[in-house]
Amino acid sequence: MGADDKASNKIDDLGGKAKEGVGKLTGDKDTESEGKVDQAKSSLKDAGEKVKDAFKK
């Protein structure tokens, strides 16, 4: 996995955590849910990159 991919996934994860936190603080369930979805997307992209790396070896 390239450094750019790792950084992008980490940024997406942190953005999702921030969005989830804002949603919790404001009581906005939609924003909180969006944050959780963003984190899940980041995790899936990270897992996909790891699978690709495994097949490159």
C-alpha atoms as a PDB file:
ATOM      1  CA  MET A   1       0.000   0.000   0.000  1.00  0.00           C
ATOM      2  CA  GLY A   2       1.387   3.344  -0.975  1.00  0.00           C
ATOM      3  CA  ALA A   3       1.985   6.119   1.495  1.00  0.00           C
ATOM      4  CA  ASP A   4      -0.564   8.267  -0.330  1.00  0.00           C
ATOM      5  CA  ASP A   5      -3.243   5.596   0.097  1.00  0.00           C
ATOM      6  CA  LYS A   6      -2.449   5.183   3.787  1.00  0.00           C
ATOM      7  CA  ALA A   7      -2.584   8.939   4.349  1.00  0.00           C
ATOM      8  CA  SER A   8      -5.849   9.274   2.438  1.00  0.00           C
ATOM      9  CA  ASN A   9      -7.456   6.431   4.391  1.00  0.00           C
ATOM     10  CA  LYS A  10      -6.258   7.896   7.690  1.00  0.00           C
ATOM     11  CA  ILE A  11      -7.630  11.329   6.776  1.00  0.00           C
ATOM     12  CA  ASP A  12     -10.981   9.762   5.849  1.00  0.00           C
ATOM     13  CA  ASP A  13     -11.028   7.877   9.154  1.00  0.00           C
ATOM     14  CA  LEU A  14     -10.210  10.977  11.196  1.00  0.00           C
ATOM     15  CA  GLY A  15     -12.791  12.999   9.293  1.00  0.00           C
ATOM     16  CA  GLY A  16     -15.375  10.345  10.046  1.00  0.00           C
ATOM     17  CA  LYS A  17     -14.494  10.364  13.732  1.00  0.00           C
ATOM     18  CA  ALA A  18     -14.768  14.149  13.801  1.00  0.00           C
ATOM     19  CA  LYS A  19     -18.132  14.069  12.020  1.00  0.00           C
ATOM     20  CA  GLU A  20     -19.382  11.399  14.415  1.00  0.00           C
ATOM     21  CA  GLY A  21     -18.255  13.486  17.387  1.00  0.00           C
ATOM     22  CA  VAL A  22     -19.962  16.619  16.081  1.00  0.00           C
ATOM     23  CA  GLY A  23     -23.119  14.612  15.536  1.00  0.00           C
ATOM     24  CA  LYS A  24     -23.017  13.326  19.112  1.00  0.00           C
ATOM     25  CA  LEU A  25     -22.395  16.800  20.539  1.00  0.00           C
ATOM     26  CA  THR A  26     -25.198  18.409  18.558  1.00  0.00           C
ATOM     27  CA  GLY A  27     -27.593  15.486  18.851  1.00  0.00           C
ATOM     28  CA  ASP A  28     -27.680  15.153  15.060  1.00  0.00           C
ATOM     29  CA  LYS A  29     -28.097  11.430  14.430  1.00  0.00           C
ATOM     30  CA  ASP A  30     -27.682  11.851  10.656  1.00  0.00           C
ATOM     31  CA  THR A  31     -24.267  13.492  11.011  1.00  0.00           C
ATOM     32  CA  GLU A  32     -23.246  10.908  13.589  1.00  0.00           C
ATOM     33  CA  SER A  33     -24.268   8.111  11.217  1.00  0.00           C
ATOM     34  CA  GLU A  34     -22.431   9.738   8.300  1.00  0.00           C
ATOM     35  CA  GLY A  35     -19.289   9.798  10.429  1.00  0.00           C
ATOM     36  CA  LYS A  36     -19.604   6.105  11.164  1.00  0.00           C
ATOM     37  CA  VAL A  37     -20.131   5.378   7.460  1.00  0.00           C
ATOM     38  CA  ASP A  38     -17.033   7.416   6.569  1.00  0.00           C
ATOM     39  CA  GLN A  39     -14.999   5.396   9.064  1.00  0.00           C
ATOM     40  CA  ALA A  40     -16.322   2.121   7.670  1.00  0.00           C
ATOM     41  CA  LYS A  41     -15.456   3.196   4.108  1.00  0.00           C
ATOM     42  CA  SER A  42     -11.939   4.028   5.248  1.00  0.00           C
ATOM     43  CA  SER A  43     -11.559   0.620   6.873  1.00  0.00           C
ATOM     44  CA  LEU A  44     -12.807  -1.152   3.751  1.00  0.00           C
ATOM     45  CA  LYS A  45     -10.445   0.794   1.496  1.00  0.00           C
ATOM     46  CA  ASP A  46      -7.572  -0.033   3.835  1.00  0.00           C
ATOM     47  CA  ALA A  47      -8.484  -3.731   3.786  1.00  0.00           C
ATOM     48  CA  GLY A  48      -8.723  -3.665  -0.008  1.00  0.00           C
ATOM     49  CA  GLU A  49      -5.267  -2.136  -0.279  1.00  0.00           C
ATOM     50  CA  LYS A  50      -3.864  -4.832   2.021  1.00  0.00           C
ATOM     51  CA  VAL A  51      -5.395  -7.553  -0.158  1.00  0.00           C
ATOM     52  CA  LYS A  52      -3.871  -5.994  -3.275  1.00  0.00           C
ATOM     53  CA  ASP A  53      -0.497  -5.831  -1.523  1.00  0.00           C
ATOM     54  CA  ALA A  54      -0.751  -9.497  -0.541  1.00  0.00           C
ATOM     55  CA  PHE A  55      -1.223 -10.514  -4.178  1.00  0.00           C
ATOM     56  CA  LYS A  56       1.684  -8.356  -5.344  1.00  0.00           C
ATOM     57  CA  LYS A  57       4.150 -10.386  -3.269  1.00  0.00           C
END
